[in-house]
Amino acid sequence: MSDIREEVKDLLIGLKIRRLRQERRMTLQNLSEATGLSKPLLSQVENEQVIPPLATLLRIAKALKVGLHTFFQEEGSVEKCLLVRAGEGGSHDTHSSRSRRRTPYAYQSLGYGKKQRNLEPFLIEFDVQPWRDDLLVSHDGEEFLYILEGQVEFHYGDEVMAVGPGDSLYYDSNEPHGYVAVGEVPARAVAVIYSQE
């Protein structure tokens, strides 16, 4: 995933968050209170030391009153139709060398460059690792997940589901949910997130 690490630097998500926060005359403390995230974590995100998982990025987007797409678009992009060739999406490795606990997936935006979109499509690669309850997240909106390869253990509220290639899930993301790959190899899926503004 070293290529993903290189590509994520080009998007400068942390710098975009800092610029938006400053434009709104918010302090880190204000943003912390609005998101429920700690000031040290927000500082690490803004300084490009940590790539935030999607649920965290959604909380930040809502607090800054912008769409999630804001972090995955290039300035001045106005395409009505966007073609993303294989390997060209904005990629993000959510693993942090500073974090003891690894997030179990990396994600690549499949809508990278398209402004004013209501859906956020991603290609997600799940790592094989044991389940931990702290992987559960929740946020406003809905999600659709289609498994391309590998086996995924999906946790939704009190339910645990084993899903594999060709299986899909459509769920209300207000309910706590999370996933890890199980078996011998990482899993890949296409995820589409809809989050009300």
N, C-alpha and C. Protein backbone atom coordinates (compact mmCIF):
# COMPACT_ATOMS: atom_id res chain seq x y z
N MET A 1 0.81 -1.20 0.00
CA MET A 1 0.00 0.00 0.00
C MET A 1 0.85 1.26 0.00
N SER A 2 2.14 1.15 -0.32
CA SER A 2 3.01 2.32 -0.33
C SER A 2 2.57 3.32 -1.40
N ASP A 3 2.05 2.82 -2.54
CA ASP A 3 1.55 3.72 -3.58
C ASP A 3 0.39 4.55 -3.05
N ILE A 4 -0.48 3.94 -2.26
CA ILE A 4 -1.61 4.64 -1.67
C ILE A 4 -1.11 5.75 -0.75
N ARG A 5 -0.08 5.45 0.04
CA ARG A 5 0.47 6.47 0.93
C ARG A 5 0.99 7.67 0.15
N GLU A 6 1.63 7.40 -0.99
CA GLU A 6 2.14 8.50 -1.80
C GLU A 6 1.00 9.32 -2.40
N GLU A 7 -0.02 8.63 -2.90
CA GLU A 7 -1.13 9.34 -3.53
C GLU A 7 -1.89 10.21 -2.56
N VAL A 8 -2.02 9.76 -1.30
CA VAL A 8 -2.80 10.52 -0.33
C VAL A 8 -2.17 11.88 -0.05
N LYS A 9 -0.85 11.95 -0.14
CA LYS A 9 -0.17 13.22 0.11
C LYS A 9 -0.61 14.28 -0.89
N ASP A 10 -0.93 13.85 -2.11
CA ASP A 10 -1.32 14.79 -3.15
C ASP A 10 -2.67 15.46 -2.87
N LEU A 11 -3.55 14.79 -2.12
CA LEU A 11 -4.87 15.36 -1.84
C LEU A 11 -4.84 16.40 -0.73
N LEU A 12 -3.86 16.32 0.16
CA LEU A 12 -3.69 17.31 1.23
C LEU A 12 -4.99 17.54 2.01
N ILE A 13 -5.60 16.46 2.45
CA ILE A 13 -6.87 16.55 3.17
C ILE A 13 -6.72 17.40 4.43
N GLY A 14 -5.64 17.21 5.17
CA GLY A 14 -5.43 17.97 6.40
C GLY A 14 -5.36 19.46 6.15
N LEU A 15 -4.67 19.86 5.10
CA LEU A 15 -4.55 21.29 4.78
C LEU A 15 -5.91 21.86 4.37
N LYS A 16 -6.71 21.07 3.66
CA LYS A 16 -8.05 21.53 3.29
C LYS A 16 -8.91 21.73 4.54
N ILE A 17 -8.80 20.81 5.48
CA ILE A 17 -9.57 20.93 6.73
C ILE A 17 -9.14 22.19 7.48
N ARG A 18 -7.82 22.41 7.60
CA ARG A 18 -7.34 23.60 8.30
C ARG A 18 -7.83 24.88 7.62
N ARG A 19 -7.74 24.92 6.28
CA ARG A 19 -8.17 26.12 5.56
C ARG A 19 -9.66 26.39 5.78
N LEU A 20 -10.48 25.34 5.69
CA LEU A 20 -11.92 25.50 5.91
C LEU A 20 -12.22 25.94 7.34
N ARG A 21 -11.51 25.36 8.30
CA ARG A 21 -11.71 25.73 9.71
C ARG A 21 -11.37 27.20 9.93
N GLN A 22 -10.24 27.63 9.37
CA GLN A 22 -9.82 29.01 9.54
C GLN A 22 -10.76 29.98 8.82
N GLU A 23 -11.24 29.59 7.64
CA GLU A 23 -12.20 30.44 6.91
C GLU A 23 -13.47 30.66 7.73
N ARG A 24 -13.82 29.67 8.55
CA ARG A 24 -15.02 29.76 9.39
C ARG A 24 -14.70 30.35 10.77
N ARG A 25 -13.45 30.79 10.93
CA ARG A 25 -12.99 31.38 12.20
C ARG A 25 -13.25 30.45 13.38
N MET A 26 -13.00 29.16 13.15
CA MET A 26 -13.14 28.16 14.21
C MET A 26 -11.77 27.82 14.76
N THR A 27 -11.69 27.63 16.06
CA THR A 27 -10.46 27.13 16.66
C THR A 27 -10.50 25.61 16.63
N LEU A 28 -9.36 24.98 16.94
CA LEU A 28 -9.36 23.51 17.06
C LEU A 28 -10.34 23.08 18.14
N GLN A 29 -10.43 23.89 19.21
CA GLN A 29 -11.36 23.57 20.30
C GLN A 29 -12.80 23.59 19.78
N ASN A 30 -13.16 24.61 18.97
CA ASN A 30 -14.51 24.68 18.39
C ASN A 30 -14.79 23.43 17.55
N LEU A 31 -13.81 23.06 16.72
CA LEU A 31 -14.00 21.89 15.85
C LEU A 31 -14.10 20.61 16.68
N SER A 32 -13.32 20.55 17.74
CA SER A 32 -13.36 19.39 18.63
C SER A 32 -14.75 19.25 19.25
N GLU A 33 -15.30 20.37 19.72
CA GLU A 33 -16.63 20.33 20.34
C GLU A 33 -17.71 19.98 19.33
N ALA A 34 -17.57 20.46 18.09
CA ALA A 34 -18.57 20.22 17.06
C ALA A 34 -18.55 18.78 16.54
N THR A 35 -17.37 18.13 16.61
CA THR A 35 -17.24 16.78 16.07
C THR A 35 -17.21 15.69 17.13
N GLY A 36 -16.86 16.06 18.36
CA GLY A 36 -16.68 15.05 19.40
C GLY A 36 -15.33 14.37 19.30
N LEU A 37 -14.43 14.90 18.44
CA LEU A 37 -13.09 14.34 18.26
C LEU A 37 -12.10 15.14 19.11
N SER A 38 -11.03 14.50 19.55
CA SER A 38 -10.07 15.18 20.40
C SER A 38 -9.23 16.20 19.63
N LYS A 39 -8.80 17.25 20.34
CA LYS A 39 -7.95 18.27 19.72
C LYS A 39 -6.64 17.66 19.21
N PRO A 40 -5.97 16.76 19.97
CA PRO A 40 -4.73 16.16 19.44
C PRO A 40 -4.96 15.40 18.14
N LEU A 41 -6.08 14.66 18.03
CA LEU A 41 -6.37 13.93 16.79
C LEU A 41 -6.58 14.91 15.65
N LEU A 42 -7.38 15.95 15.88
CA LEU A 42 -7.65 16.94 14.83
C LEU A 42 -6.36 17.63 14.39
N SER A 43 -5.48 17.89 15.35
CA SER A 43 -4.20 18.52 15.02
C SER A 43 -3.36 17.58 14.14
N GLN A 44 -3.35 16.28 14.48
CA GLN A 44 -2.60 15.31 13.67
C GLN A 44 -3.18 15.21 12.27
N VAL A 45 -4.51 15.28 12.15
CA VAL A 45 -5.15 15.24 10.84
C VAL A 45 -4.75 16.46 10.03
N GLU A 46 -4.84 17.65 10.64
CA GLU A 46 -4.52 18.88 9.92
C GLU A 46 -3.05 18.93 9.50
N ASN A 47 -2.18 18.31 10.29
CA ASN A 47 -0.75 18.31 9.98
C ASN A 47 -0.32 17.12 9.12
N GLU A 48 -1.31 16.42 8.55
CA GLU A 48 -1.06 15.30 7.63
C GLU A 48 -0.31 14.14 8.29
N GLN A 49 -0.43 14.02 9.61
CA GLN A 49 0.22 12.91 10.32
C GLN A 49 -0.70 11.70 10.38
N VAL A 50 -2.01 11.94 10.30
CA VAL A 50 -3.01 10.88 10.36
C VAL A 50 -4.01 11.10 9.24
N ILE A 51 -4.31 10.05 8.49
CA ILE A 51 -5.35 10.11 7.47
C ILE A 51 -6.63 9.63 8.15
N PRO A 52 -7.65 10.49 8.22
CA PRO A 52 -8.84 10.11 8.98
C PRO A 52 -9.66 9.03 8.29
N PRO A 53 -10.19 8.07 9.05
CA PRO A 53 -11.13 7.11 8.48
C PRO A 53 -12.36 7.85 7.96
N LEU A 54 -13.13 7.22 7.11
CA LEU A 54 -14.26 7.89 6.47
C LEU A 54 -15.28 8.43 7.47
N ALA A 55 -15.58 7.68 8.53
CA ALA A 55 -16.56 8.14 9.51
C ALA A 55 -16.08 9.43 10.19
N THR A 56 -14.78 9.50 10.48
CA THR A 56 -14.20 10.70 11.09
C THR A 56 -14.27 11.87 10.12
N LEU A 57 -13.96 11.61 8.86
CA LEU A 57 -14.00 12.65 7.84
C LEU A 57 -15.44 13.18 7.66
N LEU A 58 -16.41 12.30 7.77
CA LEU A 58 -17.82 12.72 7.68
C LEU A 58 -18.17 13.67 8.83
N ARG A 59 -17.71 13.37 10.04
CA ARG A 59 -17.99 14.25 11.18
C ARG A 59 -17.39 15.62 10.98
N ILE A 60 -16.15 15.64 10.47
CA ILE A 60 -15.47 16.91 10.22
C ILE A 60 -16.20 17.70 9.14
N ALA A 61 -16.61 17.01 8.06
CA ALA A 61 -17.33 17.68 6.97
C ALA A 61 -18.61 18.31 7.48
N LYS A 62 -19.36 17.58 8.30
CA LYS A 62 -20.61 18.11 8.83
C LYS A 62 -20.36 19.32 9.73
N ALA A 63 -19.33 19.26 10.57
CA ALA A 63 -19.02 20.38 11.46
C ALA A 63 -18.61 21.62 10.66
N LEU A 64 -17.94 21.40 9.52
CA LEU A 64 -17.50 22.52 8.68
C LEU A 64 -18.57 22.92 7.66
N LYS A 65 -19.70 22.17 7.68
CA LYS A 65 -20.83 22.43 6.77
C LYS A 65 -20.42 22.36 5.30
N VAL A 66 -19.68 21.30 4.96
CA VAL A 66 -19.31 21.04 3.57
C VAL A 66 -19.63 19.58 3.26
N GLY A 67 -19.75 19.26 1.99
CA GLY A 67 -19.96 17.88 1.59
C GLY A 67 -18.66 17.09 1.70
N LEU A 68 -18.78 15.79 1.88
CA LEU A 68 -17.60 14.93 1.97
C LEU A 68 -16.74 15.06 0.71
N HIS A 69 -17.39 15.32 -0.43
CA HIS A 69 -16.67 15.43 -1.71
C HIS A 69 -15.64 16.55 -1.70
N THR A 70 -15.81 17.53 -0.82
CA THR A 70 -14.88 18.68 -0.75
C THR A 70 -13.43 18.22 -0.59
N PHE A 71 -13.22 17.13 0.12
CA PHE A 71 -11.87 16.66 0.40
C PHE A 71 -11.28 15.82 -0.73
N PHE A 72 -12.12 15.46 -1.72
CA PHE A 72 -11.66 14.58 -2.79
C PHE A 72 -11.74 15.23 -4.16
N GLN A 73 -11.81 16.56 -4.20
CA GLN A 73 -11.92 17.22 -5.49
C GLN A 73 -10.78 18.18 -5.71
N GLU A 74 -10.48 18.40 -6.96
CA GLU A 74 -9.47 19.37 -7.30
C GLU A 74 -10.15 20.72 -7.47
N GLU A 75 -9.42 21.79 -7.21
CA GLU A 75 -9.98 23.12 -7.34
C GLU A 75 -10.45 23.34 -8.77
N GLY A 76 -11.61 23.96 -8.91
CA GLY A 76 -12.09 24.34 -10.24
C GLY A 76 -12.70 23.21 -11.05
N SER A 77 -12.87 22.04 -10.45
CA SER A 77 -13.42 20.90 -11.18
C SER A 77 -14.93 21.07 -11.36
N VAL A 78 -15.42 20.98 -12.61
CA VAL A 78 -16.84 21.18 -12.86
C VAL A 78 -17.44 20.10 -13.77
N GLU A 79 -16.80 18.96 -13.88
CA GLU A 79 -17.28 17.92 -14.79
C GLU A 79 -18.69 17.47 -14.42
N LYS A 80 -19.53 17.27 -15.45
CA LYS A 80 -20.85 16.69 -15.22
C LYS A 80 -20.76 15.17 -15.26
N CYS A 81 -19.80 14.66 -16.01
CA CYS A 81 -19.57 13.22 -16.11
C CYS A 81 -18.10 12.97 -15.83
N LEU A 82 -17.82 12.04 -14.94
CA LEU A 82 -16.45 11.79 -14.53
C LEU A 82 -16.07 10.34 -14.80
N LEU A 83 -15.01 10.13 -15.53
CA LEU A 83 -14.47 8.79 -15.77
C LEU A 83 -13.21 8.65 -14.93
N VAL A 84 -13.17 7.64 -14.08
CA VAL A 84 -11.98 7.37 -13.28
C VAL A 84 -11.39 6.06 -13.77
N ARG A 85 -10.22 6.13 -14.39
CA ARG A 85 -9.54 4.93 -14.88
C ARG A 85 -8.95 4.16 -13.69
N ALA A 86 -8.75 2.88 -13.89
CA ALA A 86 -8.18 2.02 -12.84
C ALA A 86 -6.89 2.64 -12.31
N GLY A 87 -6.80 2.77 -11.00
CA GLY A 87 -5.60 3.29 -10.36
C GLY A 87 -5.50 4.80 -10.32
N GLU A 88 -6.51 5.52 -10.85
CA GLU A 88 -6.42 6.98 -10.90
C GLU A 88 -7.19 7.68 -9.79
N GLY A 89 -7.95 6.98 -8.98
CA GLY A 89 -8.75 7.62 -7.94
C GLY A 89 -7.87 8.21 -6.85
N GLY A 90 -8.45 9.10 -6.06
CA GLY A 90 -7.71 9.65 -4.92
C GLY A 90 -7.64 8.60 -3.84
N SER A 91 -6.46 8.10 -3.55
CA SER A 91 -6.32 6.97 -2.62
C SER A 91 -5.91 7.42 -1.23
N HIS A 92 -6.35 6.65 -0.24
CA HIS A 92 -6.07 6.99 1.15
C HIS A 92 -5.79 5.74 1.94
N ASP A 93 -4.69 5.72 2.61
CA ASP A 93 -4.36 4.63 3.51
C ASP A 93 -4.66 5.13 4.91
N THR A 94 -5.61 4.50 5.58
CA THR A 94 -6.00 4.99 6.89
C THR A 94 -5.07 4.50 7.99
N HIS A 95 -4.07 3.72 7.62
CA HIS A 95 -3.12 3.26 8.63
C HIS A 95 -2.20 4.41 9.01
N SER A 96 -1.90 4.52 10.26
CA SER A 96 -0.98 5.57 10.70
C SER A 96 0.19 4.94 11.42
N SER A 97 1.39 5.32 11.04
CA SER A 97 2.57 4.76 11.70
C SER A 97 2.62 5.21 13.16
N ARG A 98 1.89 6.31 13.48
CA ARG A 98 1.90 6.81 14.86
C ARG A 98 0.82 6.14 15.71
N SER A 99 -0.05 5.39 15.07
CA SER A 99 -1.16 4.80 15.80
C SER A 99 -0.85 3.35 16.15
N ARG A 100 -1.14 3.00 17.39
CA ARG A 100 -0.92 1.61 17.79
C ARG A 100 -1.99 0.70 17.22
N ARG A 101 -3.19 1.25 17.06
CA ARG A 101 -4.30 0.46 16.53
C ARG A 101 -4.53 0.83 15.09
N ARG A 102 -4.43 -0.17 14.22
CA ARG A 102 -4.59 0.10 12.79
C ARG A 102 -6.06 0.02 12.39
N THR A 103 -6.49 1.00 11.61
CA THR A 103 -7.82 0.94 11.01
C THR A 103 -7.76 -0.19 9.99
N PRO A 104 -8.82 -1.01 9.89
CA PRO A 104 -8.72 -2.22 9.09
C PRO A 104 -8.95 -2.04 7.59
N TYR A 105 -8.84 -0.81 7.07
CA TYR A 105 -9.06 -0.66 5.64
C TYR A 105 -8.34 0.56 5.08
N ALA A 106 -8.15 0.53 3.76
CA ALA A 106 -7.67 1.70 3.02
C ALA A 106 -8.75 2.00 1.99
N TYR A 107 -8.89 3.27 1.61
CA TYR A 107 -9.95 3.60 0.67
C TYR A 107 -9.45 4.49 -0.46
N GLN A 108 -10.12 4.36 -1.60
CA GLN A 108 -9.78 5.13 -2.79
C GLN A 108 -11.07 5.73 -3.33
N SER A 109 -11.11 7.05 -3.47
CA SER A 109 -12.30 7.72 -3.98
C SER A 109 -12.48 7.42 -5.46
N LEU A 110 -13.68 6.98 -5.83
CA LEU A 110 -13.99 6.73 -7.23
C LEU A 110 -14.74 7.91 -7.84
N GLY A 111 -14.98 8.94 -7.04
CA GLY A 111 -15.64 10.14 -7.54
C GLY A 111 -14.70 11.32 -7.48
N TYR A 112 -13.41 11.05 -7.29
CA TYR A 112 -12.39 12.07 -7.14
C TYR A 112 -12.42 13.06 -8.30
N GLY A 113 -12.56 14.34 -7.98
CA GLY A 113 -12.56 15.36 -9.01
C GLY A 113 -13.93 15.87 -9.39
N LYS A 114 -15.01 15.18 -8.99
CA LYS A 114 -16.37 15.60 -9.35
C LYS A 114 -16.93 16.44 -8.22
N LYS A 115 -17.29 17.68 -8.55
CA LYS A 115 -17.89 18.57 -7.55
C LYS A 115 -19.38 18.32 -7.44
N GLN A 116 -19.96 18.83 -6.36
CA GLN A 116 -21.41 18.83 -6.16
C GLN A 116 -22.03 17.47 -6.38
N ARG A 117 -21.52 16.49 -5.67
CA ARG A 117 -22.12 15.16 -5.75
C ARG A 117 -22.73 14.80 -4.41
N ASN A 118 -23.77 13.99 -4.45
CA ASN A 118 -24.46 13.57 -3.23
C ASN A 118 -24.03 12.18 -2.78
N LEU A 119 -23.44 11.42 -3.70
CA LEU A 119 -22.97 10.08 -3.39
C LEU A 119 -21.45 10.09 -3.36
N GLU A 120 -20.87 9.31 -2.45
CA GLU A 120 -19.41 9.17 -2.37
C GLU A 120 -19.06 7.72 -2.65
N PRO A 121 -18.57 7.40 -3.85
CA PRO A 121 -18.18 6.02 -4.14
C PRO A 121 -16.70 5.78 -3.82
N PHE A 122 -16.41 4.65 -3.21
CA PHE A 122 -15.04 4.31 -2.82
C PHE A 122 -14.74 2.86 -3.18
N LEU A 123 -13.47 2.60 -3.50
CA LEU A 123 -12.95 1.24 -3.55
C LEU A 123 -12.26 1.04 -2.21
N ILE A 124 -12.63 0.00 -1.49
CA ILE A 124 -12.09 -0.23 -0.15
C ILE A 124 -11.34 -1.54 -0.11
N GLU A 125 -10.16 -1.52 0.49
CA GLU A 125 -9.37 -2.74 0.72
C GLU A 125 -9.32 -2.99 2.22
N PHE A 126 -9.84 -4.13 2.65
CA PHE A 126 -9.89 -4.49 4.06
C PHE A 126 -8.72 -5.38 4.43
N ASP A 127 -8.05 -5.07 5.53
CA ASP A 127 -6.99 -5.92 6.05
C ASP A 127 -7.58 -7.07 6.86
N VAL A 128 -6.87 -8.17 6.88
CA VAL A 128 -7.25 -9.28 7.75
C VAL A 128 -6.74 -8.96 9.15
N GLN A 129 -7.63 -8.91 10.12
CA GLN A 129 -7.24 -8.67 11.51
C GLN A 129 -8.38 -9.07 12.42
N PRO A 130 -8.09 -9.28 13.70
CA PRO A 130 -9.16 -9.66 14.63
C PRO A 130 -10.14 -8.50 14.82
N TRP A 131 -11.40 -8.86 15.07
CA TRP A 131 -12.41 -7.83 15.33
C TRP A 131 -12.16 -7.18 16.69
N ARG A 132 -12.39 -5.87 16.76
CA ARG A 132 -12.36 -5.12 18.03
C ARG A 132 -13.61 -4.23 18.05
N ASP A 133 -14.24 -4.12 19.20
CA ASP A 133 -15.46 -3.32 19.31
C ASP A 133 -15.21 -1.85 19.01
N ASP A 134 -13.97 -1.39 19.18
CA ASP A 134 -13.71 0.03 18.91
C ASP A 134 -13.67 0.35 17.42
N LEU A 135 -13.88 -0.65 16.57
CA LEU A 135 -13.96 -0.41 15.12
C LEU A 135 -15.37 0.01 14.70
N LEU A 136 -16.34 -0.08 15.62
CA LEU A 136 -17.70 0.34 15.31
C LEU A 136 -17.77 1.85 15.15
N VAL A 137 -18.45 2.30 14.09
CA VAL A 137 -18.66 3.74 13.85
C VAL A 137 -20.12 3.95 13.49
N SER A 138 -20.57 5.18 13.61
CA SER A 138 -21.91 5.53 13.15
C SER A 138 -21.90 6.98 12.70
N HIS A 139 -22.75 7.29 11.74
CA HIS A 139 -22.85 8.65 11.22
C HIS A 139 -24.15 8.75 10.44
N ASP A 140 -24.60 9.97 10.18
CA ASP A 140 -25.82 10.16 9.41
C ASP A 140 -25.65 9.61 8.00
N GLY A 141 -26.75 9.12 7.44
CA GLY A 141 -26.71 8.71 6.04
C GLY A 141 -26.99 7.24 5.82
N GLU A 142 -26.68 6.81 4.61
CA GLU A 142 -26.85 5.43 4.20
C GLU A 142 -25.60 4.97 3.49
N GLU A 143 -25.36 3.65 3.49
CA GLU A 143 -24.20 3.10 2.80
C GLU A 143 -24.60 1.86 2.01
N PHE A 144 -23.89 1.66 0.92
CA PHE A 144 -24.05 0.45 0.11
C PHE A 144 -22.67 -0.15 -0.05
N LEU A 145 -22.55 -1.45 0.19
CA LEU A 145 -21.26 -2.13 0.09
C LEU A 145 -21.43 -3.37 -0.79
N TYR A 146 -20.58 -3.50 -1.81
CA TYR A 146 -20.61 -4.66 -2.71
C TYR A 146 -19.24 -5.33 -2.64
N ILE A 147 -19.20 -6.58 -2.22
CA ILE A 147 -17.94 -7.29 -2.04
C ILE A 147 -17.43 -7.81 -3.39
N LEU A 148 -16.21 -7.42 -3.74
CA LEU A 148 -15.59 -7.86 -4.99
C LEU A 148 -14.80 -9.16 -4.81
N GLU A 149 -14.00 -9.21 -3.74
CA GLU A 149 -13.20 -10.41 -3.48
C GLU A 149 -12.86 -10.51 -2.01
N GLY A 150 -12.58 -11.73 -1.57
CA GLY A 150 -12.26 -11.97 -0.17
C GLY A 150 -13.51 -12.13 0.68
N GLN A 151 -13.29 -12.34 1.96
CA GLN A 151 -14.37 -12.54 2.92
C GLN A 151 -14.34 -11.41 3.95
N VAL A 152 -15.51 -10.86 4.26
CA VAL A 152 -15.62 -9.75 5.19
C VAL A 152 -16.58 -10.12 6.31
N GLU A 153 -16.20 -9.80 7.53
CA GLU A 153 -17.08 -9.94 8.68
C GLU A 153 -17.67 -8.57 8.95
N PHE A 154 -18.99 -8.44 8.78
CA PHE A 154 -19.68 -7.16 8.92
C PHE A 154 -20.46 -7.14 10.23
N HIS A 155 -20.21 -6.14 11.04
CA HIS A 155 -20.90 -5.97 12.31
C HIS A 155 -21.88 -4.82 12.16
N TYR A 156 -23.14 -5.07 12.52
CA TYR A 156 -24.17 -4.04 12.41
C TYR A 156 -25.06 -4.11 13.64
N GLY A 157 -24.92 -3.14 14.52
CA GLY A 157 -25.63 -3.23 15.79
C GLY A 157 -25.18 -4.48 16.51
N ASP A 158 -26.13 -5.34 16.86
CA ASP A 158 -25.80 -6.59 17.55
C ASP A 158 -25.60 -7.76 16.59
N GLU A 159 -25.79 -7.53 15.30
CA GLU A 159 -25.68 -8.60 14.31
C GLU A 159 -24.25 -8.71 13.76
N VAL A 160 -23.86 -9.93 13.41
CA VAL A 160 -22.59 -10.19 12.74
C VAL A 160 -22.89 -11.02 11.50
N MET A 161 -22.45 -10.54 10.34
CA MET A 161 -22.74 -11.23 9.08
C MET A 161 -21.45 -11.53 8.34
N ALA A 162 -21.35 -12.74 7.79
CA ALA A 162 -20.21 -13.11 6.95
C ALA A 162 -20.63 -12.88 5.50
N VAL A 163 -19.87 -12.05 4.78
CA VAL A 163 -20.21 -11.75 3.38
C VAL A 163 -19.00 -11.99 2.50
N GLY A 164 -19.28 -12.37 1.24
CA GLY A 164 -18.20 -12.67 0.31
C GLY A 164 -18.50 -12.13 -1.08
N PRO A 165 -17.69 -12.49 -2.06
CA PRO A 165 -17.82 -11.96 -3.42
C PRO A 165 -19.24 -12.07 -3.96
N GLY A 166 -19.74 -10.94 -4.49
CA GLY A 166 -21.08 -10.91 -5.04
C GLY A 166 -22.15 -10.53 -4.03
N ASP A 167 -21.84 -10.59 -2.74
CA ASP A 167 -22.79 -10.18 -1.71
C ASP A 167 -22.79 -8.65 -1.61
N SER A 168 -23.95 -8.11 -1.24
CA SER A 168 -24.02 -6.66 -1.04
C SER A 168 -24.81 -6.34 0.22
N LEU A 169 -24.55 -5.17 0.77
CA LEU A 169 -25.23 -4.69 1.97
C LEU A 169 -25.68 -3.27 1.71
N TYR A 170 -26.90 -2.95 2.11
CA TYR A 170 -27.40 -1.57 2.03
C TYR A 170 -27.95 -1.28 3.41
N TYR A 171 -27.41 -0.27 4.08
CA TYR A 171 -27.80 -0.07 5.47
C TYR A 171 -27.82 1.40 5.89
N ASP A 172 -28.58 1.63 6.94
CA ASP A 172 -28.66 2.94 7.58
C ASP A 172 -27.40 3.07 8.43
N SER A 173 -26.57 4.07 8.13
CA SER A 173 -25.29 4.17 8.83
C SER A 173 -25.38 4.90 10.17
N ASN A 174 -26.61 5.25 10.61
CA ASN A 174 -26.79 5.78 11.96
C ASN A 174 -26.55 4.69 13.00
N GLU A 175 -26.78 3.45 12.59
CA GLU A 175 -26.57 2.30 13.48
C GLU A 175 -25.08 1.98 13.52
N PRO A 176 -24.51 1.69 14.70
CA PRO A 176 -23.08 1.36 14.76
C PRO A 176 -22.75 0.19 13.84
N HIS A 177 -21.67 0.34 13.05
CA HIS A 177 -21.29 -0.68 12.09
C HIS A 177 -19.78 -0.68 11.90
N GLY A 178 -19.28 -1.80 11.41
CA GLY A 178 -17.85 -1.92 11.16
C GLY A 178 -17.56 -3.23 10.47
N TYR A 179 -16.33 -3.38 9.96
CA TYR A 179 -15.99 -4.58 9.21
C TYR A 179 -14.49 -4.84 9.23
N VAL A 180 -14.16 -6.12 9.10
CA VAL A 180 -12.77 -6.56 8.93
C VAL A 180 -12.77 -7.71 7.94
N ALA A 181 -11.66 -7.89 7.26
CA ALA A 181 -11.51 -9.06 6.39
C ALA A 181 -11.18 -10.26 7.28
N VAL A 182 -11.68 -11.41 6.88
CA VAL A 182 -11.38 -12.65 7.59
C VAL A 182 -10.85 -13.65 6.57
N GLY A 183 -10.15 -14.64 7.03
CA GLY A 183 -9.58 -15.63 6.12
C GLY A 183 -8.10 -15.36 5.91
N GLU A 184 -7.61 -15.73 4.73
CA GLU A 184 -6.18 -15.68 4.47
C GLU A 184 -5.72 -14.41 3.75
N VAL A 185 -6.62 -13.77 3.01
CA VAL A 185 -6.20 -12.64 2.18
C VAL A 185 -7.09 -11.43 2.43
N PRO A 186 -6.58 -10.21 2.16
CA PRO A 186 -7.40 -9.00 2.28
C PRO A 186 -8.60 -9.08 1.35
N ALA A 187 -9.61 -8.30 1.65
CA ALA A 187 -10.82 -8.27 0.83
C ALA A 187 -10.95 -6.90 0.16
N ARG A 188 -11.69 -6.87 -0.96
CA ARG A 188 -11.93 -5.61 -1.66
C ARG A 188 -13.42 -5.45 -1.90
N ALA A 189 -13.89 -4.21 -1.83
CA ALA A 189 -15.31 -3.94 -2.03
C ALA A 189 -15.49 -2.54 -2.61
N VAL A 190 -16.63 -2.34 -3.24
CA VAL A 190 -17.03 -1.00 -3.66
C VAL A 190 -18.06 -0.54 -2.63
N ALA A 191 -17.85 0.65 -2.08
CA ALA A 191 -18.77 1.24 -1.11
C ALA A 191 -19.28 2.56 -1.64
N VAL A 192 -20.56 2.81 -1.44
CA VAL A 192 -21.14 4.09 -1.81
C VAL A 192 -21.80 4.67 -0.55
N ILE A 193 -21.40 5.88 -0.19
CA ILE A 193 -21.91 6.53 1.01
C ILE A 193 -22.78 7.72 0.61
N TYR A 194 -23.96 7.81 1.20
CA TYR A 194 -24.81 8.98 1.01
C TYR A 194 -24.96 9.63 2.38
N SER A 195 -24.61 10.88 2.44
CA SER A 195 -24.73 11.59 3.71
C SER A 195 -25.50 12.87 3.46
N GLN A 196 -26.61 13.04 4.20
CA GLN A 196 -27.41 14.24 4.03
C GLN A 196 -26.60 15.45 4.48
N GLU A 197 -26.71 16.53 3.70
CA GLU A 197 -25.99 17.77 4.04
C GLU A 197 -26.59 18.36 5.30
